[in-house]
N, C-alpha and C. Protein backbone atom coordinates (compact mmCIF):
# COMPACT_ATOMS: atom_id res chain seq x y z
N UNK A 1 27.20 62.67 50.11
CA UNK A 1 28.18 63.31 50.99
C UNK A 1 27.80 64.79 51.11
N UNK A 2 27.75 65.32 52.31
CA UNK A 2 27.43 66.73 52.48
C UNK A 2 28.48 67.61 51.82
N UNK A 3 28.01 68.74 51.33
CA UNK A 3 28.91 69.66 50.65
C UNK A 3 29.92 70.26 51.63
N UNK A 4 31.17 70.39 51.17
CA UNK A 4 32.20 71.00 51.99
C UNK A 4 33.00 70.02 52.81
N UNK A 5 32.64 68.73 52.76
CA UNK A 5 33.39 67.72 53.50
C UNK A 5 34.30 66.96 52.55
N UNK A 6 35.46 66.56 53.07
CA UNK A 6 36.39 65.77 52.28
C UNK A 6 35.93 64.32 52.27
N UNK A 7 36.19 63.61 51.15
CA UNK A 7 35.90 62.17 51.17
C UNK A 7 36.72 61.50 52.27
N UNK A 8 36.29 60.38 52.78
CA UNK A 8 36.98 59.76 53.91
C UNK A 8 38.41 59.32 53.62
N UNK A 9 38.76 59.05 52.34
CA UNK A 9 40.10 58.57 52.04
C UNK A 9 41.09 59.69 51.71
N UNK A 10 40.66 60.94 51.75
CA UNK A 10 41.53 62.07 51.43
C UNK A 10 41.81 62.84 52.71
N UNK A 11 43.10 62.98 53.02
CA UNK A 11 43.48 63.72 54.22
C UNK A 11 43.38 65.22 53.94
N UNK A 12 42.90 65.98 54.89
CA UNK A 12 42.83 67.43 54.68
C UNK A 12 44.23 68.03 54.57
N UNK A 13 44.35 69.09 53.80
CA UNK A 13 45.64 69.75 53.65
C UNK A 13 46.06 70.38 54.97
N UNK A 14 47.33 70.20 55.35
CA UNK A 14 47.78 70.81 56.61
C UNK A 14 47.81 72.33 56.47
N UNK A 15 47.41 72.98 57.51
CA UNK A 15 47.42 74.45 57.51
C UNK A 15 48.83 74.92 57.87
N UNK A 16 49.30 75.99 57.20
CA UNK A 16 50.65 76.47 57.51
C UNK A 16 50.69 77.03 58.93
N UNK A 17 51.74 76.69 59.68
CA UNK A 17 51.83 77.23 61.03
C UNK A 17 52.12 78.72 61.00
N UNK A 18 51.45 79.44 61.85
CA UNK A 18 51.68 80.88 61.91
C UNK A 18 52.63 81.19 63.06
N UNK A 19 53.42 82.21 62.87
CA UNK A 19 54.33 82.63 63.92
C UNK A 19 55.56 81.75 64.06
N UNK A 20 55.93 81.02 63.01
CA UNK A 20 57.11 80.16 63.07
C UNK A 20 58.31 80.97 62.61
N UNK A 21 59.42 80.84 63.34
CA UNK A 21 60.61 81.60 62.98
C UNK A 21 61.24 81.01 61.72
N UNK A 22 62.08 81.80 61.07
CA UNK A 22 62.75 81.36 59.86
C UNK A 22 63.64 80.16 60.14
N UNK A 23 64.32 80.17 61.28
CA UNK A 23 65.19 79.07 61.65
C UNK A 23 64.39 77.77 61.82
N UNK A 24 63.26 77.85 62.50
CA UNK A 24 62.43 76.66 62.70
C UNK A 24 61.87 76.15 61.37
N UNK A 25 61.46 77.06 60.51
CA UNK A 25 60.94 76.66 59.20
C UNK A 25 62.03 76.00 58.36
N UNK A 26 63.25 76.55 58.42
CA UNK A 26 64.37 75.97 57.68
C UNK A 26 64.68 74.57 58.20
N UNK A 27 64.70 74.40 59.51
CA UNK A 27 64.94 73.09 60.10
C UNK A 27 63.88 72.09 59.67
N UNK A 28 62.64 72.54 59.62
CA UNK A 28 61.55 71.65 59.23
C UNK A 28 61.68 71.23 57.77
N UNK A 29 62.01 72.17 56.90
CA UNK A 29 62.16 71.85 55.48
C UNK A 29 63.35 70.92 55.27
N UNK A 30 64.47 71.19 55.93
CA UNK A 30 65.67 70.38 55.76
C UNK A 30 65.62 69.06 56.52
N UNK A 31 64.60 68.86 57.32
CA UNK A 31 64.46 67.57 57.99
C UNK A 31 63.99 66.49 57.02
N UNK A 32 63.54 66.89 55.85
CA UNK A 32 63.09 65.96 54.82
C UNK A 32 64.30 65.59 53.95
N UNK A 33 64.58 64.30 53.86
CA UNK A 33 65.78 63.82 53.18
C UNK A 33 65.83 64.26 51.72
N UNK A 34 64.72 64.19 51.02
CA UNK A 34 64.73 64.56 49.60
C UNK A 34 65.02 66.05 49.41
N UNK A 35 64.60 66.87 50.34
CA UNK A 35 64.93 68.30 50.24
C UNK A 35 66.42 68.53 50.40
N UNK A 36 67.04 67.81 51.34
CA UNK A 36 68.49 67.92 51.52
C UNK A 36 69.22 67.46 50.27
N UNK A 37 68.76 66.37 49.67
CA UNK A 37 69.39 65.87 48.45
C UNK A 37 69.26 66.89 47.31
N UNK A 38 68.11 67.53 47.20
CA UNK A 38 67.92 68.53 46.16
C UNK A 38 68.84 69.74 46.36
N UNK A 39 69.02 70.16 47.59
CA UNK A 39 69.89 71.29 47.87
C UNK A 39 71.33 70.95 47.51
N UNK A 40 71.79 69.76 47.91
CA UNK A 40 73.16 69.35 47.61
C UNK A 40 73.35 69.18 46.10
N UNK A 41 72.40 68.54 45.43
CA UNK A 41 72.52 68.33 43.98
C UNK A 41 72.52 69.66 43.24
N UNK A 42 71.71 70.59 43.67
CA UNK A 42 71.67 71.90 43.04
C UNK A 42 73.00 72.64 43.22
N UNK A 43 73.54 72.58 44.43
CA UNK A 43 74.82 73.25 44.69
C UNK A 43 75.94 72.64 43.84
N UNK A 44 75.97 71.30 43.75
CA UNK A 44 76.98 70.66 42.92
C UNK A 44 76.81 70.99 41.45
N UNK A 45 75.57 71.07 40.99
CA UNK A 45 75.30 71.45 39.61
C UNK A 45 75.76 72.85 39.29
N UNK A 46 75.48 73.79 40.18
CA UNK A 46 75.93 75.17 39.98
C UNK A 46 77.46 75.24 39.98
N UNK A 47 78.10 74.47 40.87
CA UNK A 47 79.55 74.45 40.95
C UNK A 47 80.14 73.94 39.63
N UNK A 48 79.59 72.85 39.11
CA UNK A 48 80.07 72.28 37.85
C UNK A 48 79.86 73.25 36.69
N UNK A 49 78.67 73.81 36.59
CA UNK A 49 78.37 74.69 35.45
C UNK A 49 79.19 75.97 35.50
N UNK A 50 79.48 76.47 36.68
CA UNK A 50 80.34 77.65 36.79
C UNK A 50 81.74 77.34 36.31
N UNK A 51 82.25 76.19 36.67
CA UNK A 51 83.56 75.77 36.17
C UNK A 51 83.57 75.61 34.66
N UNK A 52 82.49 75.03 34.11
CA UNK A 52 82.41 74.86 32.66
C UNK A 52 82.36 76.22 31.95
N UNK A 53 81.62 77.15 32.49
CA UNK A 53 81.55 78.49 31.89
C UNK A 53 82.91 79.17 31.94
N UNK A 54 83.61 79.03 33.05
CA UNK A 54 84.94 79.63 33.16
C UNK A 54 85.88 79.01 32.13
N UNK A 55 85.81 77.69 31.98
CA UNK A 55 86.64 77.02 30.99
C UNK A 55 86.33 77.52 29.59
N UNK A 56 85.06 77.67 29.26
CA UNK A 56 84.67 78.14 27.92
C UNK A 56 85.23 79.53 27.65
N UNK A 57 85.15 80.42 28.61
CA UNK A 57 85.66 81.78 28.42
C UNK A 57 87.17 81.76 28.22
N UNK A 58 87.88 81.01 29.05
CA UNK A 58 89.33 80.94 28.91
C UNK A 58 89.71 80.31 27.58
N UNK A 59 89.02 79.24 27.19
CA UNK A 59 89.30 78.57 25.92
C UNK A 59 89.07 79.51 24.74
N UNK A 60 87.93 80.21 24.74
CA UNK A 60 87.63 81.12 23.64
C UNK A 60 88.64 82.28 23.57
N UNK A 61 89.06 82.77 24.72
CA UNK A 61 90.02 83.88 24.73
C UNK A 61 91.35 83.46 24.12
N UNK A 62 91.83 82.29 24.50
CA UNK A 62 93.15 81.88 24.03
C UNK A 62 93.13 81.25 22.64
N UNK A 63 92.11 80.46 22.35
CA UNK A 63 92.07 79.76 21.06
C UNK A 63 91.76 80.71 19.91
N UNK A 64 90.82 81.64 20.12
CA UNK A 64 90.38 82.52 19.07
C UNK A 64 90.81 83.97 19.27
N UNK A 65 91.66 84.21 20.27
CA UNK A 65 92.20 85.54 20.55
C UNK A 65 91.08 86.59 20.70
N UNK A 66 90.08 86.24 21.52
CA UNK A 66 88.96 87.14 21.77
C UNK A 66 89.20 87.94 23.03
N UNK A 67 88.53 89.09 23.13
CA UNK A 67 88.59 89.86 24.37
C UNK A 67 87.71 89.19 25.42
N UNK A 68 87.85 89.64 26.65
CA UNK A 68 87.04 89.08 27.75
C UNK A 68 85.55 89.26 27.48
N UNK A 69 85.16 90.46 27.05
CA UNK A 69 83.73 90.71 26.82
C UNK A 69 83.20 89.90 25.65
N UNK A 70 83.99 89.73 24.59
CA UNK A 70 83.53 88.94 23.44
C UNK A 70 83.41 87.47 23.83
N UNK A 71 84.37 86.96 24.58
CA UNK A 71 84.31 85.56 25.00
C UNK A 71 83.14 85.33 25.95
N UNK A 72 82.90 86.26 26.87
CA UNK A 72 81.77 86.13 27.78
C UNK A 72 80.45 86.24 27.03
N UNK A 73 80.42 87.06 26.00
CA UNK A 73 79.21 87.20 25.19
C UNK A 73 78.88 85.95 24.41
N UNK A 74 79.86 85.08 24.20
CA UNK A 74 79.63 83.83 23.48
C UNK A 74 78.98 82.76 24.35
N UNK A 75 78.89 82.99 25.65
CA UNK A 75 78.31 81.97 26.53
C UNK A 75 76.85 81.69 26.20
N UNK A 76 76.08 82.73 25.93
CA UNK A 76 74.66 82.53 25.64
C UNK A 76 74.46 81.75 24.33
N UNK A 77 75.10 82.13 23.21
CA UNK A 77 74.91 81.33 21.99
C UNK A 77 75.42 79.89 22.12
N UNK A 78 76.52 79.71 22.83
CA UNK A 78 77.04 78.35 23.02
C UNK A 78 76.05 77.54 23.86
N UNK A 79 75.49 78.15 24.88
CA UNK A 79 74.50 77.46 25.72
C UNK A 79 73.24 77.12 24.96
N UNK A 80 72.77 78.03 24.12
CA UNK A 80 71.58 77.76 23.32
C UNK A 80 71.84 76.63 22.34
N UNK A 81 73.02 76.65 21.70
CA UNK A 81 73.37 75.57 20.78
C UNK A 81 73.49 74.23 21.47
N UNK A 82 74.09 74.24 22.66
CA UNK A 82 74.22 73.00 23.42
C UNK A 82 72.85 72.45 23.79
N UNK A 83 71.95 73.33 24.20
CA UNK A 83 70.61 72.88 24.58
C UNK A 83 69.84 72.36 23.37
N UNK A 84 70.01 73.01 22.22
CA UNK A 84 69.33 72.55 21.02
C UNK A 84 69.81 71.15 20.63
N UNK A 85 71.10 70.89 20.78
CA UNK A 85 71.65 69.56 20.49
C UNK A 85 71.11 68.54 21.49
N UNK A 86 70.98 68.94 22.73
CA UNK A 86 70.48 68.00 23.75
C UNK A 86 69.03 67.64 23.47
N UNK A 87 68.23 68.58 22.99
CA UNK A 87 66.83 68.30 22.69
C UNK A 87 66.67 67.37 21.50
N UNK A 88 67.61 67.45 20.55
CA UNK A 88 67.50 66.64 19.34
C UNK A 88 68.08 65.25 19.53
N UNK A 89 68.84 65.05 20.57
CA UNK A 89 69.46 63.74 20.79
C UNK A 89 68.39 62.69 21.07
N UNK A 90 68.57 61.48 20.56
CA UNK A 90 67.55 60.44 20.78
C UNK A 90 67.53 59.93 22.19
């Protein structure tokens, strides 16, 4: 096979279109079903995790009589501990 040619069973990589507007590029990306699913799943995940963080802060403030800053500061250690438990789970 001559150098610089693709094998016959490999399609060449598509070249990015130049001069495409942001709106057209967004429409093209969102025309793919899996991309739309990822966007929706990500938004729902952020919504859930924000609610969980708010609950943790309110719970820590009332249960342990902590200030807002102390309760908010506990989010990182609680998150690290939760992740460590998730990694160790079978």
